[in-house]
Amino acid sequence: MGLSHSSIYHSSHVRSVTTSGPVIVEPFSEIYPRLDIYDFYGNEKYEPQVDLLIQSYQALYDRPYNDMRSFYQVAGIHGLPYTAYDGVTGGAEEYHNDTDWETGRFGGYCHHGDVLFPPWHRPYMLLIESLLVEEAKKIALQYPDNEKEKYVEAAKQLRHPYWDWADVKAIEGVPKIFTSPEIKINTPNGKKNVKNPLKSFTLPVDLSYPLVKGQNPTDKPNYNVPNISYNPYTPVGYPTVRHPNSNYEDQTDLLNSNMSVYVPTVFRPGMYQMFHISDFLRFSSHGVNSDDSQSGNFFSGHPPPTNPAGMAHFASMETTHDDFHLVCGGPGGHMGYVDLATFDPIFFFHHSNMDHVLNKAIDEYTDLTPFRKTKTEFWKSSDVPDIEKLGYTYLEVEKFKGQDPKKLKAYVLELYKPDPHFGRRFFVKLTIKVGKLDGPCSIRVFIDLPDANAQTLVTSPHFAGLVSMWSSNKKHAHDNSFVYGTVDITAAMEQLNIRSQVHDPLQEVNTTTGLLGPLWLFNVEKDITIVPVSLNGYEVSPKEVGVDKIEVFTFEHDKVDPNFLDENSGKYYGSKKF
């Protein structure tokens, strides 16, 4: 079911049905757009909404932590603290008791690596969004009479913004609304500098358990990133962090530096590739079985490696989603861990963005627990495809409403397209066994650098991109599950002056020996180096992380519309087994 787990944490904060009745996730009665944070923040038009959003987040933080409608409880739905939310239990993985955490115990509701990944997160976003709007409406009524009408209208129109971290503007770094310790807003009591709730969330109770000396926030100024087998410990009174240093403080400069590298090499290519996938199952989730069918569903369609390359070789939206989590959180940062990520408020701007790119139909009927549609019924995937019925939309959806869906797709590809001047694009596809390594890691891809290792800088011209394993866990891995990831190596090849002429592989491979001929573009065995790196910065071997093989394939840009890649131009160029 794609649940997330840890073998070292049991619950100390059991949750039950809220005293004010079950938490119902209701659609909004009126439709208003979710806005890109680049349009939302710093825009005079939306200043009242910004004021309300900041205060509403703080209001959810300030609720008692055992209130089902508090930020702590809503964040805890995803992973830790591993307790049933709002009294919702059921299924083989349900929570049993405080000591039964070795077998059959509950591990959070989130879906990763299966077909429910996109639809499950939609009511999750709707829950936090509806709670924020509810707070905003109460806050709006507290403004003085000469401002009240403006703020009441702003509260009605408020929807949760998203951050498009693949936008070219993201190369400059993380928007300051997520990193500034304080933010100036207009409150019911006038303009004030207030603590910025979007930078971090301070834990009201302990999260996870203390680790060995030196690996806990209380060990600052000698804090070290924990071993990847464990969820980092966050004591009560400590904030969530991103790329923490030895003093357990954010290293925002390092995060911004990483964004300048990964936006052009990983995020934008990932977005561009995923929108070439026509099959929703392939588009939505990275989980596949050994027979090449989709994990959590049984539809095949991925081309076998000896066939000409098809668009299904490209990575899913979940793969690019995972990449952002590891880049944003960094070693020891909450966003880097499945069971902790939701406690960093930036998670919800990230997932609003994933909802933004999800523009395909969903046809599943599984309950999306713990999100109640009524007191006795849960939301299902079949309930959530039409976002307007949920009371929100996106500006691009409105712009292309009623038009051929291909126009919207072309618009999206235009946003993220690479330089079509290269003509033919080269890709490395990684096939990775799920659950070989405990904890998150990234697999870096280098070109023409055989001795690349974990210390090789990602600013090197030989660095082409990476694939992230965010939800890997040995204990709960399925024996037949794999993840596919794809890295566009074209820009690195051009920068290194590696020739990219097209050759016919059938003419260049000895059909008897299978060896590459002397005119081969490059040697897959020697010229492509993969370097798996754990979240604490240590290098692990490809076999340890579960890399089964790497493959190389190419596509040409369409001659009529260069925004698209021509599927019929796909060529397969060889592989390497591990």
Protein backbone atom coordinates (compact mmCIF):
# COMPACT_ATOMS: atom_id res chain seq x y z
CA MET A 1 0.00 0.00 0.00
CA GLY A 2 3.02 2.31 -0.05
CA LEU A 3 2.97 2.99 3.68
CA SER A 4 6.08 4.41 5.35
CA HIS A 5 7.64 2.82 8.38
CA SER A 6 10.51 2.84 10.84
CA SER A 7 11.60 -0.06 13.03
CA ILE A 8 12.71 2.01 16.01
CA TYR A 9 9.77 4.24 16.91
CA HIS A 10 6.56 3.41 18.76
CA SER A 11 3.82 5.83 19.64
CA SER A 12 3.74 7.90 22.78
CA HIS A 13 0.93 10.15 21.58
CA VAL A 14 -2.08 7.98 20.64
CA ARG A 15 -4.72 9.89 18.72
CA SER A 16 -8.45 9.27 18.73
CA VAL A 17 -11.56 10.88 17.30
CA THR A 18 -11.60 14.61 18.05
CA THR A 19 -14.00 15.76 20.76
CA SER A 20 -15.70 18.10 18.27
CA GLY A 21 -16.63 15.16 16.04
CA PRO A 22 -14.86 13.44 13.12
CA VAL A 23 -12.75 15.67 10.88
CA ILE A 24 -14.66 16.01 7.59
CA VAL A 25 -12.78 17.16 4.49
CA GLU A 26 -15.33 19.21 2.59
CA PRO A 27 -14.95 20.88 -0.82
CA PHE A 28 -15.16 24.65 -0.98
CA SER A 29 -18.49 26.04 -2.11
CA GLU A 30 -16.82 28.54 -4.48
CA ILE A 31 -13.94 28.07 -6.91
CA TYR A 32 -10.80 30.20 -6.61
CA PRO A 33 -7.29 29.56 -7.94
CA ARG A 34 -4.26 28.28 -6.11
CA LEU A 35 -1.48 30.69 -7.04
CA ASP A 36 2.21 30.25 -7.71
CA ILE A 37 4.20 31.65 -4.78
CA TYR A 38 6.13 33.79 -7.28
CA ASP A 39 2.85 35.54 -8.19
CA PHE A 40 1.38 35.40 -4.69
CA TYR A 41 4.14 36.86 -2.50
CA GLY A 42 5.30 40.40 -3.20
CA ASN A 43 2.23 41.18 -5.30
CA GLU A 44 0.19 44.08 -3.90
CA LYS A 45 -3.00 42.49 -5.22
CA TYR A 46 -2.59 39.49 -2.93
CA GLU A 47 -1.15 41.19 0.16
CA PRO A 48 -4.32 40.58 2.24
CA GLN A 49 -4.19 36.88 1.35
CA VAL A 50 -0.51 36.71 2.31
CA ASP A 51 -1.32 38.39 5.64
CA LEU A 52 -4.04 35.83 6.31
CA LEU A 53 -2.02 32.81 5.20
CA ILE A 54 0.85 33.67 7.55
CA GLN A 55 -1.48 34.20 10.50
CA SER A 56 -3.51 31.08 9.68
CA TYR A 57 -0.45 28.84 9.65
CA GLN A 58 0.54 30.27 13.03
CA ALA A 59 -2.99 29.68 14.32
CA LEU A 60 -2.75 25.98 13.40
CA TYR A 61 0.66 25.82 15.10
CA ASP A 62 -0.83 27.36 18.26
CA ARG A 63 -3.63 24.82 18.64
CA PRO A 64 -3.12 22.16 21.34
CA TYR A 65 -1.02 19.40 19.80
CA ASN A 66 -3.69 16.76 20.62
CA ASP A 67 -6.33 18.71 18.64
CA MET A 68 -7.03 16.74 15.43
CA ARG A 69 -7.18 20.07 13.57
CA SER A 70 -3.78 21.28 14.77
CA PHE A 71 -0.80 21.46 12.44
CA TYR A 72 1.00 18.79 14.46
CA GLN A 73 -1.83 16.28 14.07
CA VAL A 74 -2.37 16.98 10.36
CA ALA A 75 1.37 16.72 9.69
CA GLY A 76 1.41 13.44 11.63
CA ILE A 77 -0.99 11.78 9.19
CA HIS A 78 1.81 11.20 6.67
CA GLY A 79 4.28 9.26 8.84
CA LEU A 80 5.37 9.82 12.44
CA PRO A 81 4.05 9.62 15.15
CA TYR A 82 2.62 6.34 13.77
CA THR A 83 -0.78 6.56 15.40
CA ALA A 84 -4.29 6.36 14.01
CA TYR A 85 -5.60 9.79 13.01
CA ASP A 86 -9.14 10.70 14.04
CA GLY A 87 -9.78 7.10 15.11
CA VAL A 88 -9.30 5.76 11.56
CA THR A 89 -7.76 2.27 11.54
CA GLY A 90 -8.02 -0.75 9.31
CA GLY A 91 -6.07 -2.97 6.96
CA ALA A 92 -3.16 -5.32 7.47
CA GLU A 93 -0.81 -2.52 8.50
CA GLU A 94 -3.01 -0.87 11.15
CA TYR A 95 -1.68 0.29 14.50
CA HIS A 96 -2.18 -2.28 17.29
CA ASN A 97 -0.46 -1.17 20.50
CA ASP A 98 2.53 0.70 21.88
CA THR A 99 4.86 -2.27 21.82
CA ASP A 100 3.79 -4.08 18.67
CA TRP A 101 6.12 -2.22 16.34
CA GLU A 102 8.08 -5.14 14.92
CA THR A 103 5.32 -6.79 12.89
CA GLY A 104 1.93 -5.73 11.59
CA ARG A 105 2.06 -2.27 13.15
CA PHE A 106 0.76 0.94 11.69
CA GLY A 107 3.24 3.17 9.89
CA GLY A 108 1.44 6.25 8.63
CA TYR A 109 -1.13 6.68 5.88
CA CYS A 110 0.93 8.13 3.03
CA HIS A 111 1.10 6.37 -0.34
CA HIS A 112 4.39 6.27 -2.21
CA GLY A 113 5.44 3.93 -4.97
CA ASP A 114 1.89 2.97 -5.95
CA VAL A 115 -0.95 4.30 -8.08
CA LEU A 116 -2.57 6.09 -5.13
CA PHE A 117 0.36 8.45 -4.69
CA PRO A 118 -1.27 11.43 -6.52
CA PRO A 119 -4.93 11.01 -5.45
CA TRP A 120 -4.11 10.36 -1.77
CA HIS A 121 -2.22 13.63 -1.48
CA ARG A 122 -5.13 15.59 -3.03
CA PRO A 123 -7.53 15.31 -0.06
CA TYR A 124 -4.51 15.68 2.23
CA MET A 125 -3.84 19.07 0.66
CA LEU A 126 -7.55 19.87 0.79
CA LEU A 127 -7.56 19.15 4.53
CA ILE A 128 -4.73 21.55 5.42
CA GLU A 129 -6.11 24.10 2.96
CA SER A 130 -9.63 24.02 4.43
CA LEU A 131 -8.27 24.38 7.98
CA LEU A 132 -6.18 27.39 6.93
CA VAL A 133 -9.14 29.05 5.19
CA GLU A 134 -11.29 28.40 8.25
CA GLU A 135 -8.73 30.24 10.40
CA ALA A 136 -8.38 33.01 7.81
CA LYS A 137 -12.11 33.70 7.91
CA LYS A 138 -12.03 34.06 11.69
CA ILE A 139 -8.97 36.33 11.56
CA ALA A 140 -10.52 38.51 8.83
CA LEU A 141 -13.41 39.41 11.14
CA GLN A 142 -10.93 40.85 13.66
CA TYR A 143 -9.70 43.63 11.33
CA PRO A 144 -10.93 47.20 11.91
CA ASP A 145 -14.05 48.25 10.04
CA ASN A 146 -12.17 50.16 7.36
CA GLU A 147 -10.26 46.97 6.38
CA LYS A 148 -12.66 44.20 7.35
CA GLU A 149 -14.50 43.90 4.03
CA LYS A 150 -11.21 43.57 2.10
CA TYR A 151 -9.94 40.85 4.41
CA VAL A 152 -13.23 38.95 4.50
CA GLU A 153 -13.13 38.80 0.69
CA ALA A 154 -9.46 37.79 0.76
CA ALA A 155 -10.24 34.95 3.17
CA LYS A 156 -13.02 33.70 0.91
CA GLN A 157 -10.68 33.63 -2.08
CA LEU A 158 -7.66 32.21 -0.23
CA ARG A 159 -6.40 28.87 -1.55
CA HIS A 160 -3.10 27.22 -0.70
CA PRO A 161 -0.29 28.56 -2.95
CA TYR A 162 2.18 26.28 -4.66
CA TRP A 163 5.88 26.66 -5.32
CA ASP A 164 6.97 25.68 -8.81
CA TRP A 165 10.54 24.74 -7.93
CA ALA A 166 11.22 23.88 -11.59
CA ASP A 167 10.56 27.47 -12.68
CA VAL A 168 13.68 29.21 -14.02
CA LYS A 169 13.31 31.69 -11.15
CA ALA A 170 14.05 28.86 -8.73
CA ILE A 171 17.64 28.78 -10.02
CA GLU A 172 18.14 31.90 -7.90
CA GLY A 173 17.24 29.95 -4.78
CA VAL A 174 14.35 29.38 -2.39
CA PRO A 175 11.83 32.26 -2.17
CA LYS A 176 12.47 34.34 0.94
CA ILE A 177 8.96 33.71 2.23
CA PHE A 178 10.27 30.24 3.17
CA THR A 179 13.63 31.28 4.61
CA SER A 180 13.26 34.65 6.38
CA PRO A 181 13.10 34.31 10.19
CA GLU A 182 10.59 37.16 10.33
CA ILE A 183 8.05 38.54 7.90
CA LYS A 184 6.23 41.88 7.87
CA ILE A 185 2.47 41.63 7.54
CA ASN A 186 -0.62 43.68 8.29
CA THR A 187 -2.44 42.20 11.28
CA PRO A 188 -5.77 43.23 12.87
CA ASN A 189 -3.59 45.30 15.23
CA GLY A 190 -1.56 46.99 12.51
CA LYS A 191 1.62 46.22 10.59
CA LYS A 192 4.12 44.07 12.45
CA ASN A 193 7.20 41.94 11.99
CA VAL A 194 6.14 38.47 13.09
CA LYS A 195 7.95 35.16 13.35
CA ASN A 196 7.70 33.50 9.94
CA PRO A 197 5.75 30.22 10.30
CA LEU A 198 6.72 29.10 6.78
CA LYS A 199 10.40 28.86 7.69
CA SER A 200 9.95 26.08 10.22
CA PHE A 201 7.63 24.41 12.70
CA THR A 202 8.66 24.03 16.34
CA LEU A 203 7.76 20.60 17.71
CA PRO A 204 5.31 20.67 20.66
CA VAL A 205 6.37 17.13 21.72
CA ASP A 206 9.32 14.86 21.00
CA LEU A 207 9.37 13.41 17.49
CA SER A 208 11.11 10.02 17.19
CA TYR A 209 13.62 8.96 19.86
CA PRO A 210 17.08 10.16 20.90
CA LEU A 211 19.97 8.61 18.99
CA VAL A 212 23.59 8.08 19.99
CA LYS A 213 25.54 11.02 21.34
CA GLY A 214 26.45 13.54 18.66
CA GLN A 215 23.43 12.78 16.44
CA ASN A 216 20.79 14.76 18.34
CA PRO A 217 19.91 18.48 18.13
CA THR A 218 20.74 18.77 21.83
CA ASP A 219 24.36 17.96 20.94
CA LYS A 220 24.85 21.31 19.18
CA PRO A 221 27.37 22.85 18.50
CA ASN A 222 28.68 19.34 17.78
CA TYR A 223 25.65 17.98 15.96
CA ASN A 224 26.25 15.35 13.27
CA VAL A 225 23.80 14.02 10.68
CA PRO A 226 22.35 10.70 11.95
CA ASN A 227 22.90 7.30 10.46
CA ILE A 228 20.45 6.87 7.57
CA SER A 229 18.83 3.82 9.15
CA TYR A 230 16.97 6.04 11.59
CA ASN A 231 14.63 8.98 11.53
CA PRO A 232 16.42 11.95 13.12
CA TYR A 233 15.24 12.93 16.58
CA THR A 234 13.55 16.30 17.12
CA PRO A 235 13.06 17.17 20.80
CA VAL A 236 10.18 19.28 22.02
CA GLY A 237 10.93 22.96 21.49
CA TYR A 238 13.23 22.39 18.50
CA PRO A 239 12.31 23.50 14.95
CA THR A 240 12.31 21.65 11.67
CA VAL A 241 15.48 22.31 9.66
CA ARG A 242 16.89 22.25 6.13
CA HIS A 243 20.54 21.32 5.56
CA PRO A 244 21.38 21.69 9.27
CA ASN A 245 24.92 22.61 10.31
CA SER A 246 26.77 21.50 13.46
CA ASN A 247 24.80 24.09 15.43
CA TYR A 248 21.52 22.61 14.16
CA GLU A 249 20.71 25.70 12.09
CA ASP A 250 19.52 26.00 8.50
CA GLN A 251 22.21 26.46 5.89
CA THR A 252 20.09 28.50 3.50
CA ASP A 253 23.07 29.54 1.39
CA LEU A 254 23.90 25.87 0.79
CA LEU A 255 20.29 25.10 -0.11
CA ASN A 256 20.21 28.02 -2.55
CA SER A 257 23.49 26.88 -4.07
CA ASN A 258 22.05 23.40 -4.56
CA MET A 259 18.96 24.86 -6.22
CA SER A 260 21.18 26.64 -8.74
CA VAL A 261 22.62 23.24 -9.69
CA TYR A 262 19.58 20.97 -9.49
CA VAL A 263 16.89 23.15 -11.07
CA PRO A 264 18.51 22.99 -14.54
CA THR A 265 19.97 19.47 -14.25
CA VAL A 266 17.22 17.58 -12.39
CA PHE A 267 13.95 19.44 -11.77
CA ARG A 268 13.30 21.01 -15.16
CA PRO A 269 14.35 17.91 -17.15
CA GLY A 270 12.21 15.77 -14.83
CA MET A 271 9.13 17.92 -15.39
CA TYR A 272 9.73 17.97 -19.12
CA GLN A 273 10.13 14.21 -19.40
CA MET A 274 7.10 13.25 -17.32
CA PHE A 275 4.71 15.14 -19.58
CA HIS A 276 5.69 12.90 -22.48
CA ILE A 277 4.18 9.89 -20.69
CA SER A 278 0.66 9.17 -21.91
CA ASP A 279 -0.18 6.34 -19.49
CA PHE A 280 -1.43 7.72 -16.16
CA LEU A 281 0.02 4.85 -14.14
CA ARG A 282 3.48 5.55 -15.52
CA PHE A 283 3.02 9.29 -15.14
CA SER A 284 1.91 9.18 -11.53
CA SER A 285 4.05 6.67 -9.66
CA HIS A 286 7.57 5.23 -9.80
CA GLY A 287 6.71 1.79 -8.43
CA VAL A 288 6.94 -1.13 -10.88
CA ASN A 289 7.06 -4.89 -10.43
CA SER A 290 9.64 -7.30 -11.77
CA ASP A 291 7.25 -8.26 -14.60
CA ASP A 292 7.21 -4.57 -15.57
CA SER A 293 3.64 -3.98 -14.39
CA GLN A 294 2.78 -1.04 -12.17
CA SER A 295 3.10 -1.50 -8.41
CA GLY A 296 -0.35 -1.29 -6.83
CA ASN A 297 -1.95 -2.01 -10.20
CA PHE A 298 -1.48 -4.54 -12.96
CA PHE A 299 -1.07 -2.70 -16.22
CA SER A 300 2.00 -3.37 -18.29
CA GLY A 301 3.38 -1.13 -21.00
CA HIS A 302 7.00 -0.43 -20.22
CA PRO A 303 9.11 -1.39 -23.23
CA PRO A 304 11.50 -4.27 -22.68
CA PRO A 305 15.12 -3.13 -22.94
CA THR A 306 15.77 -4.81 -26.27
CA ASN A 307 12.95 -2.87 -27.95
CA PRO A 308 13.32 0.63 -29.44
CA ALA A 309 12.97 3.21 -26.70
CA GLY A 310 9.47 4.40 -25.89
CA MET A 311 8.25 7.34 -23.85
CA ALA A 312 7.53 5.00 -20.94
CA HIS A 313 11.28 4.96 -20.31
CA PHE A 314 10.88 8.40 -18.75
CA ALA A 315 10.62 8.86 -14.99
CA SER A 316 7.29 9.54 -13.27
CA MET A 317 6.13 12.63 -11.41
CA GLU A 318 6.88 10.77 -8.16
CA THR A 319 10.55 10.39 -9.11
CA THR A 320 10.96 14.14 -9.64
CA HIS A 321 8.94 14.70 -6.47
CA ASP A 322 11.45 12.54 -4.56
CA ASP A 323 14.37 14.51 -6.02
CA PHE A 324 13.01 17.74 -4.56
CA HIS A 325 12.53 16.23 -1.11
CA LEU A 326 16.20 15.23 -0.83
CA VAL A 327 17.53 18.47 -2.32
CA CYS A 328 15.33 20.64 -0.11
CA GLY A 329 15.90 18.79 3.17
CA GLY A 330 19.54 17.94 2.69
CA PRO A 331 21.48 15.76 5.15
CA GLY A 332 19.55 15.71 8.42
CA GLY A 333 16.78 18.00 7.16
CA HIS A 334 13.18 16.96 7.79
CA MET A 335 12.11 17.19 4.13
CA GLY A 336 14.59 14.43 3.32
CA TYR A 337 12.75 11.79 5.35
CA VAL A 338 9.35 10.31 4.40
CA ASP A 339 8.13 10.09 7.98
CA LEU A 340 9.23 13.61 8.96
CA ALA A 341 8.75 15.73 5.82
CA THR A 342 5.26 17.01 6.58
CA PHE A 343 6.41 18.81 9.73
CA ASP A 344 8.31 21.26 7.50
CA PRO A 345 5.63 23.67 6.20
CA ILE A 346 7.34 23.85 2.80
CA PHE A 347 6.03 20.30 2.25
CA PHE A 348 2.53 21.61 1.58
CA PHE A 349 3.72 24.16 -0.98
CA HIS A 350 5.66 21.35 -2.63
CA HIS A 351 2.61 19.08 -2.76
CA SER A 352 0.35 21.85 -3.93
CA ASN A 353 2.79 22.07 -6.83
CA MET A 354 2.57 18.31 -7.47
CA ASP A 355 -1.21 18.67 -7.50
CA HIS A 356 -0.74 21.52 -9.96
CA VAL A 357 1.07 19.28 -12.46
CA LEU A 358 -1.44 16.47 -12.05
CA ASN A 359 -3.83 17.05 -14.96
CA LYS A 360 -4.81 13.54 -15.90
CA ALA A 361 -7.88 11.45 -14.99
CA ILE A 362 -7.82 9.13 -12.00
CA ASP A 363 -9.98 6.01 -12.06
CA GLU A 364 -9.32 4.17 -8.79
CA TYR A 365 -11.88 3.41 -6.06
CA THR A 366 -9.72 2.71 -3.01
CA ASP A 367 -10.53 4.56 0.22
CA LEU A 368 -8.09 7.43 0.80
CA THR A 369 -7.90 7.07 4.56
CA PRO A 370 -7.98 8.87 6.93
CA PHE A 371 -9.80 11.59 4.96
CA ARG A 372 -13.52 11.52 5.69
CA LYS A 373 -16.04 12.69 3.08
CA THR A 374 -18.85 12.22 5.61
CA LYS A 375 -18.97 10.71 9.10
CA THR A 376 -19.31 7.22 7.59
CA GLU A 377 -17.60 7.49 4.18
CA PHE A 378 -14.02 8.18 3.07
CA TRP A 379 -12.82 10.04 0.01
CA LYS A 380 -11.94 7.78 -2.93
CA SER A 381 -9.63 8.40 -5.87
CA SER A 382 -12.69 8.53 -8.11
CA ASP A 383 -13.93 11.56 -6.12
CA VAL A 384 -10.95 13.82 -6.76
CA PRO A 385 -10.14 14.16 -10.51
CA ASP A 386 -12.28 17.28 -11.02
CA ILE A 387 -10.63 19.96 -8.90
CA GLU A 388 -13.41 22.49 -9.54
CA LYS A 389 -15.80 20.21 -7.65
CA LEU A 390 -13.36 20.53 -4.75
CA GLY A 391 -13.57 24.33 -4.88
CA TYR A 392 -10.21 25.30 -6.35
CA THR A 393 -8.49 25.60 -9.70
CA TYR A 394 -5.23 26.83 -11.27
CA LEU A 395 -4.82 29.78 -13.61
CA GLU A 396 -3.52 27.57 -16.44
CA VAL A 397 -6.53 25.29 -16.11
CA GLU A 398 -8.83 28.29 -16.44
CA LYS A 399 -6.86 29.61 -19.40
CA PHE A 400 -7.26 26.40 -21.42
CA LYS A 401 -10.69 25.40 -20.13
CA GLY A 402 -12.82 23.83 -22.88
CA GLN A 403 -9.90 23.61 -25.29
CA ASP A 404 -8.04 20.61 -26.66
CA PRO A 405 -6.02 19.12 -23.74
CA LYS A 406 -3.01 18.99 -26.06
CA LYS A 407 -2.83 22.79 -25.90
CA LEU A 408 -2.38 22.70 -22.13
CA LYS A 409 0.23 19.97 -22.49
CA ALA A 410 2.11 22.03 -25.09
CA TYR A 411 1.98 25.01 -22.75
CA VAL A 412 3.50 22.98 -19.92
CA LEU A 413 6.24 21.57 -22.15
CA GLU A 414 7.07 25.11 -23.26
CA LEU A 415 7.64 26.03 -19.59
CA TYR A 416 10.16 23.27 -18.94
CA LYS A 417 11.64 22.45 -22.34
CA PRO A 418 15.42 22.07 -22.64
CA ASP A 419 17.36 23.76 -25.40
CA PRO A 420 16.01 22.13 -28.60
CA HIS A 421 19.11 23.34 -30.47
CA PHE A 422 20.78 20.05 -29.50
CA GLY A 423 18.33 18.20 -31.75
CA ARG A 424 18.78 14.73 -30.28
CA ARG A 425 18.66 14.19 -26.53
CA PHE A 426 20.43 11.43 -24.64
CA PHE A 427 19.09 9.79 -21.49
CA VAL A 428 20.39 7.37 -18.88
CA LYS A 429 17.69 5.21 -17.33
CA LEU A 430 18.31 3.52 -13.97
CA THR A 431 16.41 0.44 -12.80
CA ILE A 432 16.61 0.23 -9.00
CA LYS A 433 15.43 -2.53 -6.67
CA VAL A 434 13.27 -1.14 -3.89
CA GLY A 435 14.31 -1.61 -0.28
CA LYS A 436 17.94 -2.65 -0.61
CA LEU A 437 19.10 0.31 1.47
CA ASP A 438 17.51 1.59 4.66
CA GLY A 439 16.85 5.30 4.37
CA PRO A 440 16.84 7.93 1.60
CA CYS A 441 19.70 8.40 -0.84
CA SER A 442 20.48 9.98 -4.20
CA ILE A 443 22.19 8.29 -7.16
CA ARG A 444 24.35 10.80 -9.01
CA VAL A 445 25.18 10.32 -12.68
CA PHE A 446 28.54 11.49 -14.05
CA ILE A 447 29.72 11.43 -17.66
CA ASP A 448 33.30 10.65 -18.71
CA LEU A 449 34.61 10.66 -15.13
CA PRO A 450 35.36 7.05 -14.08
CA ASP A 451 36.80 8.03 -10.69
CA ALA A 452 33.79 10.15 -9.62
CA ASN A 453 32.83 9.61 -5.98
CA ALA A 454 30.77 11.14 -3.17
CA GLN A 455 33.27 13.98 -2.82
CA THR A 456 33.02 14.95 -6.51
CA LEU A 457 31.20 18.28 -6.62
CA VAL A 458 27.85 18.42 -8.36
CA THR A 459 29.06 21.67 -9.89
CA SER A 460 31.51 19.58 -11.98
CA PRO A 461 30.80 19.74 -15.74
CA HIS A 462 30.77 15.93 -15.64
CA PHE A 463 27.70 15.88 -13.36
CA ALA A 464 24.58 15.17 -15.44
CA GLY A 465 21.86 14.75 -12.82
CA LEU A 466 20.55 12.34 -10.20
CA VAL A 467 17.78 9.95 -9.25
CA SER A 468 16.44 9.95 -5.68
CA MET A 469 15.32 7.03 -3.54
CA TRP A 470 13.20 8.76 -0.92
CA SER A 471 10.95 6.05 0.51
CA SER A 472 13.31 3.07 0.43
CA ASN A 473 13.06 0.78 3.45
CA LYS A 474 14.49 -2.73 3.81
CA LYS A 475 11.93 -4.01 6.28
CA HIS A 476 8.91 -3.28 4.11
CA ALA A 477 10.33 -3.77 0.63
CA HIS A 478 8.51 -5.98 -1.85
CA ASP A 479 10.66 -8.64 -3.45
CA ASN A 480 9.45 -7.78 -6.93
CA SER A 481 9.38 -3.97 -6.78
CA PHE A 482 11.60 -1.61 -8.77
CA VAL A 483 11.91 2.11 -9.36
CA TYR A 484 12.81 3.67 -12.71
CA GLY A 485 14.66 6.97 -12.89
CA THR A 486 15.85 8.92 -15.94
CA VAL A 487 18.62 11.50 -16.29
CA ASP A 488 19.00 13.75 -19.34
CA ILE A 489 22.76 13.74 -20.04
CA THR A 490 22.64 15.89 -23.19
CA ALA A 491 23.74 19.18 -21.63
CA ALA A 492 26.69 17.51 -19.90
CA MET A 493 27.72 15.87 -23.18
CA GLU A 494 27.61 19.20 -24.97
CA GLN A 495 29.59 20.90 -22.23
CA LEU A 496 32.26 18.18 -22.45
CA ASN A 497 32.28 18.26 -26.27
CA ILE A 498 31.27 14.61 -26.48
CA ARG A 499 30.07 13.96 -29.98
CA SER A 500 26.37 13.26 -30.24
CA GLN A 501 25.99 12.06 -33.81
CA VAL A 502 23.44 9.31 -34.25
CA HIS A 503 24.65 5.86 -35.18
CA ASP A 504 22.67 2.73 -35.89
CA PRO A 505 23.22 0.41 -32.93
CA LEU A 506 22.42 -2.63 -35.06
CA GLN A 507 25.41 -1.84 -37.25
CA GLU A 508 27.72 -1.06 -34.35
CA VAL A 509 27.10 -4.03 -32.06
CA ASN A 510 28.66 -7.40 -32.91
CA THR A 511 25.61 -9.67 -33.05
CA THR A 512 27.72 -12.66 -32.05
CA THR A 513 29.62 -11.24 -29.10
CA GLY A 514 27.27 -8.37 -28.22
CA LEU A 515 30.31 -6.09 -27.88
CA LEU A 516 30.25 -2.45 -28.96
CA GLY A 517 31.95 -1.54 -32.20
CA PRO A 518 34.72 1.07 -32.48
CA LEU A 519 32.39 3.77 -33.81
CA TRP A 520 30.10 3.62 -30.81
CA LEU A 521 29.07 6.99 -29.37
CA PHE A 522 30.56 6.16 -25.97
CA ASN A 523 31.14 3.12 -23.83
CA VAL A 524 28.25 2.67 -21.40
CA GLU A 525 30.45 0.45 -19.21
CA LYS A 526 33.25 3.00 -18.80
CA ASP A 527 31.91 6.45 -19.65
CA ILE A 528 28.86 6.57 -17.37
CA THR A 529 29.59 6.49 -13.64
CA ILE A 530 26.86 6.32 -11.02
CA VAL A 531 27.61 7.36 -7.45
CA PRO A 532 24.98 6.52 -4.81
CA VAL A 533 25.21 8.87 -1.82
CA SER A 534 23.29 8.41 1.42
CA LEU A 535 21.55 11.36 3.03
CA ASN A 536 24.38 11.69 5.56
CA GLY A 537 26.86 12.13 2.70
CA TYR A 538 28.47 8.68 2.67
CA GLU A 539 29.01 6.79 -0.58
CA VAL A 540 27.44 3.36 -0.98
CA SER A 541 27.91 0.87 -3.81
CA PRO A 542 25.37 0.54 -6.64
CA LYS A 543 24.57 -3.00 -5.47
CA GLU A 544 23.94 -1.86 -1.89
CA VAL A 545 21.42 0.74 -3.04
CA GLY A 546 19.72 -1.73 -5.40
CA VAL A 547 20.84 -0.51 -8.84
CA ASP A 548 20.06 -3.38 -11.20
CA LYS A 549 21.15 -1.79 -14.49
CA ILE A 550 21.58 1.42 -16.41
CA GLU A 551 20.52 1.93 -20.04
CA VAL A 552 21.08 4.65 -22.63
CA PHE A 553 18.48 5.79 -25.14
CA THR A 554 17.79 8.87 -27.28
CA PHE A 555 14.99 10.91 -28.83
CA GLU A 556 14.96 13.72 -31.37
CA HIS A 557 13.01 16.96 -30.93
CA ASP A 558 9.95 17.04 -33.14
CA LYS A 559 10.68 18.98 -36.33
CA VAL A 560 7.23 20.62 -36.40
CA ASP A 561 6.94 21.44 -32.71
CA PRO A 562 10.36 21.35 -30.98
CA ASN A 563 8.67 21.54 -27.56
CA PHE A 564 7.90 17.85 -27.99
CA LEU A 565 10.18 14.87 -28.43
CA ASP A 566 9.37 12.60 -31.37
CA GLU A 567 8.46 9.20 -29.94
CA ASN A 568 9.15 7.46 -33.23
CA SER A 569 12.76 8.68 -33.15
CA GLY A 570 13.64 6.65 -30.06
CA LYS A 571 16.81 4.55 -30.20
CA TYR A 572 18.29 2.19 -27.63
CA TYR A 573 22.07 2.38 -27.15
CA GLY A 574 23.08 -0.29 -24.69
CA SER A 575 23.14 -1.12 -20.98
CA LYS A 576 25.27 -2.07 -18.00
CA LYS A 577 24.27 -4.62 -15.35
CA PHE A 578 25.28 -4.44 -11.69
